[in-house]
Amino acid sequence: MPICDMPEAMRGSEDFGHYLKQIPGALFLLVNGEEYPPIHAKQFDFPDDEIETAVEIFMAVLKGADIPVGEEKSL
């Protein structure tokens, strides 16, 4: 699955900024393309096959942060 930088910011993160005032963090979007209904649309159906991609991204983040997988670490 391709990963790309977006040319401009999306407004889907405005609430997340409040969390970042309290604790360091990051946000990423896992999207299904332009031909897919938006998440809050009645027609939206979560694509279960994207769960594996999300897990792979989280694992890469954990490995990049040098947090051993399966072990707790206080941040």
PDB file of N, CA and C in Angstrom:
ATOM      1  N   MET A   1       0.851  -1.167   0.000  1.00  0.00           N
ATOM      2  CA  MET A   1       0.000   0.000   0.000  1.00  0.00           C
ATOM      3  C   MET A   1       0.902   1.235   0.000  1.00  0.00           C
ATOM      4  N   PRO A   2       0.680   2.166  -0.900  1.00  0.00           N
ATOM      5  CA  PRO A   2       1.537   3.355  -0.963  1.00  0.00           C
ATOM      6  C   PRO A   2       1.286   4.307   0.203  1.00  0.00           C
ATOM      7  N   ILE A   3       2.347   4.937   0.638  1.00  0.00           N
ATOM      8  CA  ILE A   3       2.273   5.965   1.675  1.00  0.00           C
ATOM      9  C   ILE A   3       2.721   7.254   1.029  1.00  0.00           C
ATOM     10  N   CYS A   4       1.974   8.339   1.261  1.00  0.00           N
ATOM     11  CA  CYS A   4       2.344   9.600   0.625  1.00  0.00           C
ATOM     12  C   CYS A   4       2.096  10.765   1.577  1.00  0.00           C
ATOM     13  N   ASP A   5       2.861  11.822   1.363  1.00  0.00           N
ATOM     14  CA  ASP A   5       2.624  13.066   2.078  1.00  0.00           C
ATOM     15  C   ASP A   5       1.524  13.822   1.370  1.00  0.00           C
ATOM     16  N   MET A   6       0.662  14.466   2.137  1.00  0.00           N
ATOM     17  CA  MET A   6      -0.418  15.237   1.545  1.00  0.00           C
ATOM     18  C   MET A   6       0.089  16.638   1.232  1.00  0.00           C
ATOM     19  N   PRO A   7      -0.307  17.216   0.112  1.00  0.00           N
ATOM     20  CA  PRO A   7       0.176  18.540  -0.260  1.00  0.00           C
ATOM     21  C   PRO A   7      -0.315  19.653   0.667  1.00  0.00           C
ATOM     22  N   GLU A   8      -1.424  19.432   1.347  1.00  0.00           N
ATOM     23  CA  GLU A   8      -1.927  20.418   2.303  1.00  0.00           C
ATOM     24  C   GLU A   8      -2.595  19.693   3.462  1.00  0.00           C
ATOM     25  N   ALA A   9      -2.683  20.372   4.587  1.00  0.00           N
ATOM     26  CA  ALA A   9      -3.236  19.773   5.800  1.00  0.00           C
ATOM     27  C   ALA A   9      -4.730  19.507   5.657  1.00  0.00           C
ATOM     28  N   MET A  10      -5.208  18.503   6.406  1.00  0.00           N
ATOM     29  CA  MET A  10      -6.636  18.213   6.472  1.00  0.00           C
ATOM     30  C   MET A  10      -7.151  18.695   7.822  1.00  0.00           C
ATOM     31  N   ARG A  11      -8.398  19.054   7.874  1.00  0.00           N
ATOM     32  CA  ARG A  11      -9.005  19.559   9.101  1.00  0.00           C
ATOM     33  C   ARG A  11      -9.438  18.439  10.044  1.00  0.00           C
ATOM     34  N   GLY A  12      -9.118  17.203   9.750  1.00  0.00           N
ATOM     35  CA  GLY A  12      -9.523  16.089  10.600  1.00  0.00           C
ATOM     36  C   GLY A  12      -8.749  15.997  11.895  1.00  0.00           C
ATOM     37  N   SER A  13      -7.847  16.936  12.150  1.00  0.00           N
ATOM     38  CA  SER A  13      -6.984  16.815  13.316  1.00  0.00           C
ATOM     39  C   SER A  13      -7.164  17.943  14.336  1.00  0.00           C
ATOM     40  N   GLU A  14      -8.166  18.790  14.187  1.00  0.00           N
ATOM     41  CA  GLU A  14      -8.255  19.951  15.074  1.00  0.00           C
ATOM     42  C   GLU A  14      -8.404  19.558  16.537  1.00  0.00           C
ATOM     43  N   ASP A  15      -9.150  18.504  16.850  1.00  0.00           N
ATOM     44  CA  ASP A  15      -9.280  18.062  18.245  1.00  0.00           C
ATOM     45  C   ASP A  15      -7.970  17.493  18.765  1.00  0.00           C
ATOM     46  N   PHE A  16      -7.220  16.859  17.884  1.00  0.00           N
ATOM     47  CA  PHE A  16      -5.978  16.220  18.287  1.00  0.00           C
ATOM     48  C   PHE A  16      -4.976  17.241  18.822  1.00  0.00           C
ATOM     49  N   GLY A  17      -5.020  18.456  18.307  1.00  0.00           N
ATOM     50  CA  GLY A  17      -4.126  19.511  18.774  1.00  0.00           C
ATOM     51  C   GLY A  17      -4.263  19.785  20.263  1.00  0.00           C
ATOM     52  N   HIS A  18      -5.451  19.608  20.801  1.00  0.00           N
ATOM     53  CA  HIS A  18      -5.663  19.814  22.234  1.00  0.00           C
ATOM     54  C   HIS A  18      -4.918  18.754  23.051  1.00  0.00           C
ATOM     55  N   TYR A  19      -4.888  17.518  22.559  1.00  0.00           N
ATOM     56  CA  TYR A  19      -4.153  16.461  23.250  1.00  0.00           C
ATOM     57  C   TYR A  19      -2.657  16.763  23.257  1.00  0.00           C
ATOM     58  N   LEU A  20      -2.156  17.298  22.137  1.00  0.00           N
ATOM     59  CA  LEU A  20      -0.722  17.565  22.025  1.00  0.00           C
ATOM     60  C   LEU A  20      -0.256  18.672  22.967  1.00  0.00           C
ATOM     61  N   LYS A  21      -1.183  19.447  23.503  1.00  0.00           N
ATOM     62  CA  LYS A  21      -0.812  20.448  24.499  1.00  0.00           C
ATOM     63  C   LYS A  21      -0.467  19.784  25.834  1.00  0.00           C
ATOM     64  N   GLN A  22      -0.943  18.558  26.025  1.00  0.00           N
ATOM     65  CA  GLN A  22      -0.735  17.842  27.279  1.00  0.00           C
ATOM     66  C   GLN A  22       0.384  16.803  27.195  1.00  0.00           C
ATOM     67  N   ILE A  23       0.546  16.178  26.040  1.00  0.00           N
ATOM     68  CA  ILE A  23       1.496  15.075  25.890  1.00  0.00           C
ATOM     69  C   ILE A  23       1.968  15.021  24.436  1.00  0.00           C
ATOM     70  N   PRO A  24       3.236  14.691  24.201  1.00  0.00           N
ATOM     71  CA  PRO A  24       3.723  14.589  22.815  1.00  0.00           C
ATOM     72  C   PRO A  24       2.970  13.480  22.067  1.00  0.00           C
ATOM     73  N   GLY A  25       2.792  13.667  20.794  1.00  0.00           N
ATOM     74  CA  GLY A  25       2.091  12.649  20.022  1.00  0.00           C
ATOM     75  C   GLY A  25       2.212  12.878  18.535  1.00  0.00           C
ATOM     76  N   ALA A  26       1.541  12.043  17.790  1.00  0.00           N
ATOM     77  CA  ALA A  26       1.529  12.131  16.330  1.00  0.00           C
ATOM     78  C   ALA A  26       0.193  11.600  15.828  1.00  0.00           C
ATOM     79  N   LEU A  27      -0.148  11.971  14.629  1.00  0.00           N
ATOM     80  CA  LEU A  27      -1.399  11.555  14.015  1.00  0.00           C
ATOM     81  C   LEU A  27      -1.119  11.132  12.589  1.00  0.00           C
ATOM     82  N   PHE A  28      -1.713  10.034  12.167  1.00  0.00           N
ATOM     83  CA  PHE A  28      -1.650   9.661  10.762  1.00  0.00           C
ATOM     84  C   PHE A  28      -3.031   9.232  10.319  1.00  0.00           C
ATOM     85  N   LEU A  29      -3.285   9.375   9.049  1.00  0.00           N
ATOM     86  CA  LEU A  29      -4.574   8.982   8.481  1.00  0.00           C
ATOM     87  C   LEU A  29      -4.402   7.735   7.639  1.00  0.00           C
ATOM     88  N   LEU A  30      -5.325   6.837   7.781  1.00  0.00           N
ATOM     89  CA  LEU A  30      -5.386   5.651   6.947  1.00  0.00           C
ATOM     90  C   LEU A  30      -6.650   5.815   6.118  1.00  0.00           C
ATOM     91  N   VAL A  31      -6.497   6.130   4.839  1.00  0.00           N
ATOM     92  CA  VAL A  31      -7.651   6.418   3.997  1.00  0.00           C
ATOM     93  C   VAL A  31      -7.802   5.374   2.904  1.00  0.00           C
ATOM     94  N   ASN A  32      -8.979   5.364   2.305  1.00  0.00           N
ATOM     95  CA  ASN A  32      -9.310   4.350   1.316  1.00  0.00           C
ATOM     96  C   ASN A  32      -9.428   4.900  -0.094  1.00  0.00           C
ATOM     97  N   GLY A  33      -8.974   6.100  -0.315  1.00  0.00           N
ATOM     98  CA  GLY A  33      -9.030   6.685  -1.648  1.00  0.00           C
ATOM     99  C   GLY A  33     -10.202   7.618  -1.825  1.00  0.00           C
ATOM    100  N   GLU A  34     -10.214   8.293  -2.939  1.00  0.00           N
ATOM    101  CA  GLU A  34     -11.235   9.302  -3.209  1.00  0.00           C
ATOM    102  C   GLU A  34     -12.582   8.715  -3.605  1.00  0.00           C
ATOM    103  N   GLU A  35     -12.610   7.474  -4.011  1.00  0.00           N
ATOM    104  CA  GLU A  35     -13.856   6.846  -4.461  1.00  0.00           C
ATOM    105  C   GLU A  35     -14.598   6.141  -3.325  1.00  0.00           C
ATOM    106  N   TYR A  36     -14.171   6.332  -2.089  1.00  0.00           N
ATOM    107  CA  TYR A  36     -14.749   5.643  -0.942  1.00  0.00           C
ATOM    108  C   TYR A  36     -15.559   6.628  -0.108  1.00  0.00           C
ATOM    109  N   PRO A  37     -16.728   6.222   0.431  1.00  0.00           N
ATOM    110  CA  PRO A  37     -17.525   7.156   1.244  1.00  0.00           C
ATOM    111  C   PRO A  37     -16.752   7.645   2.466  1.00  0.00           C
ATOM    112  N   PRO A  38     -16.934   8.907   2.864  1.00  0.00           N
ATOM    113  CA  PRO A  38     -16.262   9.437   4.056  1.00  0.00           C
ATOM    114  C   PRO A  38     -16.698   8.694   5.319  1.00  0.00           C
ATOM    115  N   ILE A  39     -15.866   8.758   6.345  1.00  0.00           N
ATOM    116  CA  ILE A  39     -16.087   7.977   7.566  1.00  0.00           C
ATOM    117  C   ILE A  39     -17.426   8.267   8.257  1.00  0.00           C
ATOM    118  N   HIS A  40     -17.929   9.480   8.184  1.00  0.00           N
ATOM    119  CA  HIS A  40     -19.187   9.805   8.858  1.00  0.00           C
ATOM    120  C   HIS A  40     -20.409   9.674   7.945  1.00  0.00           C
ATOM    121  N   ALA A  41     -20.203   9.192   6.724  1.00  0.00           N
ATOM    122  CA  ALA A  41     -21.328   8.995   5.803  1.00  0.00           C
ATOM    123  C   ALA A  41     -22.084   7.716   6.152  1.00  0.00           C
ATOM    124  N   LYS A  42     -23.366   7.731   5.911  1.00  0.00           N
ATOM    125  CA  LYS A  42     -24.205   6.560   6.184  1.00  0.00           C
ATOM    126  C   LYS A  42     -23.734   5.344   5.379  1.00  0.00           C
ATOM    127  N   GLN A  43     -23.166   5.572   4.205  1.00  0.00           N
ATOM    128  CA  GLN A  43     -22.732   4.496   3.320  1.00  0.00           C
ATOM    129  C   GLN A  43     -21.369   3.903   3.707  1.00  0.00           C
ATOM    130  N   PHE A  44     -20.684   4.538   4.675  1.00  0.00           N
ATOM    131  CA  PHE A  44     -19.355   4.065   5.049  1.00  0.00           C
ATOM    132  C   PHE A  44     -19.425   2.667   5.638  1.00  0.00           C
ATOM    133  N   ASP A  45     -18.529   1.808   5.210  1.00  0.00           N
ATOM    134  CA  ASP A  45     -18.394   0.460   5.743  1.00  0.00           C
ATOM    135  C   ASP A  45     -16.907   0.235   5.974  1.00  0.00           C
ATOM    136  N   PHE A  46     -16.504   0.057   7.236  1.00  0.00           N
ATOM    137  CA  PHE A  46     -15.076  -0.059   7.534  1.00  0.00           C
ATOM    138  C   PHE A  46     -14.465  -1.211   6.755  1.00  0.00           C
ATOM    139  N   PRO A  47     -13.395  -0.936   6.016  1.00  0.00           N
ATOM    140  CA  PRO A  47     -12.743  -1.983   5.238  1.00  0.00           C
ATOM    141  C   PRO A  47     -11.808  -2.811   6.130  1.00  0.00           C
ATOM    142  N   ASP A  48     -12.280  -3.945   6.588  1.00  0.00           N
ATOM    143  CA  ASP A  48     -11.505  -4.772   7.512  1.00  0.00           C
ATOM    144  C   ASP A  48     -10.122  -5.127   6.984  1.00  0.00           C
ATOM    145  N   ASP A  49      -9.956  -5.205   5.679  1.00  0.00           N
ATOM    146  CA  ASP A  49      -8.650  -5.556   5.131  1.00  0.00           C
ATOM    147  C   ASP A  49      -7.608  -4.463   5.377  1.00  0.00           C
ATOM    148  N   GLU A  50      -8.037  -3.270   5.809  1.00  0.00           N
ATOM    149  CA  GLU A  50      -7.099  -2.188   6.117  1.00  0.00           C
ATOM    150  C   GLU A  50      -6.514  -2.306   7.523  1.00  0.00           C
ATOM    151  N   ILE A  51      -7.068  -3.193   8.356  1.00  0.00           N
ATOM    152  CA  ILE A  51      -6.557  -3.358   9.717  1.00  0.00           C
ATOM    153  C   ILE A  51      -5.094  -3.798   9.687  1.00  0.00           C
ATOM    154  N   GLU A  52      -4.759  -4.711   8.792  1.00  0.00           N
ATOM    155  CA  GLU A  52      -3.376  -5.182   8.700  1.00  0.00           C
ATOM    156  C   GLU A  52      -2.419  -4.030   8.364  1.00  0.00           C
ATOM    157  N   THR A  53      -2.827  -3.163   7.454  1.00  0.00           N
ATOM    158  CA  THR A  53      -1.997  -2.007   7.107  1.00  0.00           C
ATOM    159  C   THR A  53      -1.799  -1.110   8.320  1.00  0.00           C
ATOM    160  N   ALA A  54      -2.862  -0.853   9.072  1.00  0.00           N
ATOM    161  CA  ALA A  54      -2.759  -0.004  10.269  1.00  0.00           C
ATOM    162  C   ALA A  54      -1.819  -0.627  11.294  1.00  0.00           C
ATOM    163  N   VAL A  55      -1.915  -1.919  11.497  1.00  0.00           N
ATOM    164  CA  VAL A  55      -1.032  -2.601  12.451  1.00  0.00           C
ATOM    165  C   VAL A  55       0.419  -2.486  11.996  1.00  0.00           C
ATOM    166  N   GLU A  56       0.675  -2.656  10.709  1.00  0.00           N
ATOM    167  CA  GLU A  56       2.035  -2.533  10.183  1.00  0.00           C
ATOM    168  C   GLU A  56       2.590  -1.124  10.412  1.00  0.00           C
ATOM    169  N   ILE A  57       1.751  -0.111  10.242  1.00  0.00           N
ATOM    170  CA  ILE A  57       2.189   1.270  10.481  1.00  0.00           C
ATOM    171  C   ILE A  57       2.509   1.463  11.957  1.00  0.00           C
ATOM    172  N   PHE A  58       1.625   1.017  12.840  1.00  0.00           N
ATOM    173  CA  PHE A  58       1.882   1.155  14.273  1.00  0.00           C
ATOM    174  C   PHE A  58       3.153   0.413  14.681  1.00  0.00           C
ATOM    175  N   MET A  59       3.366  -0.780  14.144  1.00  0.00           N
ATOM    176  CA  MET A  59       4.581  -1.538  14.460  1.00  0.00           C
ATOM    177  C   MET A  59       5.826  -0.785  14.004  1.00  0.00           C
ATOM    178  N   ALA A  60       5.779  -0.188  12.825  1.00  0.00           N
ATOM    179  CA  ALA A  60       6.917   0.582  12.319  1.00  0.00           C
ATOM    180  C   ALA A  60       7.192   1.783  13.208  1.00  0.00           C
ATOM    181  N   VAL A  61       6.128   2.440  13.677  1.00  0.00           N
ATOM    182  CA  VAL A  61       6.296   3.580  14.577  1.00  0.00           C
ATOM    183  C   VAL A  61       6.952   3.121  15.881  1.00  0.00           C
ATOM    184  N   LEU A  62       6.470   2.025  16.443  1.00  0.00           N
ATOM    185  CA  LEU A  62       7.041   1.513  17.686  1.00  0.00           C
ATOM    186  C   LEU A  62       8.510   1.147  17.516  1.00  0.00           C
ATOM    187  N   LYS A  63       8.823   0.482  16.423  1.00  0.00           N
ATOM    188  CA  LYS A  63      10.221   0.099  16.177  1.00  0.00           C
ATOM    189  C   LYS A  63      11.088   1.330  15.964  1.00  0.00           C
ATOM    190  N   GLY A  64      10.584   2.326  15.274  1.00  0.00           N
ATOM    191  CA  GLY A  64      11.327   3.561  15.052  1.00  0.00           C
ATOM    192  C   GLY A  64      11.533   4.353  16.320  1.00  0.00           C
ATOM    193  N   ALA A  65      10.628   4.197  17.285  1.00  0.00           N
ATOM    194  CA  ALA A  65      10.741   4.899  18.564  1.00  0.00           C
ATOM    195  C   ALA A  65      11.569   4.097  19.552  1.00  0.00           C
ATOM    196  N   ASP A  66      12.095   2.963  19.108  1.00  0.00           N
ATOM    197  CA  ASP A  66      12.911   2.099  19.948  1.00  0.00           C
ATOM    198  C   ASP A  66      12.143   1.641  21.178  1.00  0.00           C
ATOM    199  N   ILE A  67      10.864   1.348  21.008  1.00  0.00           N
ATOM    200  CA  ILE A  67      10.034   0.789  22.077  1.00  0.00           C
ATOM    201  C   ILE A  67       9.882  -0.697  21.779  1.00  0.00           C
ATOM    202  N   PRO A  68      10.441  -1.567  22.608  1.00  0.00           N
ATOM    203  CA  PRO A  68      10.335  -3.000  22.332  1.00  0.00           C
ATOM    204  C   PRO A  68       8.884  -3.440  22.255  1.00  0.00           C
ATOM    205  N   VAL A  69       8.539  -4.142  21.214  1.00  0.00           N
ATOM    206  CA  VAL A  69       7.169  -4.633  21.032  1.00  0.00           C
ATOM    207  C   VAL A  69       6.864  -5.641  22.112  1.00  0.00           C
ATOM    208  N   GLY A  70       5.707  -5.517  22.742  1.00  0.00           N
ATOM    209  CA  GLY A  70       5.303  -6.435  23.784  1.00  0.00           C
ATOM    210  C   GLY A  70       5.718  -6.002  25.185  1.00  0.00           C
ATOM    211  N   GLU A  71       6.460  -4.908  25.285  1.00  0.00           N
ATOM    212  CA  GLU A  71       6.881  -4.403  26.589  1.00  0.00           C
ATOM    213  C   GLU A  71       6.286  -3.015  26.799  1.00  0.00           C
ATOM    214  N   GLU A  72       5.891  -2.737  28.031  1.00  0.00           N
ATOM    215  CA  GLU A  72       5.373  -1.406  28.346  1.00  0.00           C
ATOM    216  C   GLU A  72       6.532  -0.459  28.603  1.00  0.00           C
ATOM    217  N   LYS A  73       6.329   0.788  28.262  1.00  0.00           N
ATOM    218  CA  LYS A  73       7.347   1.796  28.505  1.00  0.00           C
ATOM    219  C   LYS A  73       6.644   3.110  28.793  1.00  0.00           C
ATOM    220  N   SER A  74       7.014   3.767  29.857  1.00  0.00           N
ATOM    221  CA  SER A  74       6.445   5.070  30.171  1.00  0.00           C
ATOM    222  C   SER A  74       7.068   6.111  29.264  1.00  0.00           C
ATOM    223  N   LEU A  75       6.228   6.978  28.727  1.00  0.00           N
ATOM    224  CA  LEU A  75       6.742   8.042  27.853  1.00  0.00           C
ATOM    225  C   LEU A  75       6.874   9.334  28.599  1.00  0.00           C
TER     226      LEU A  75
END
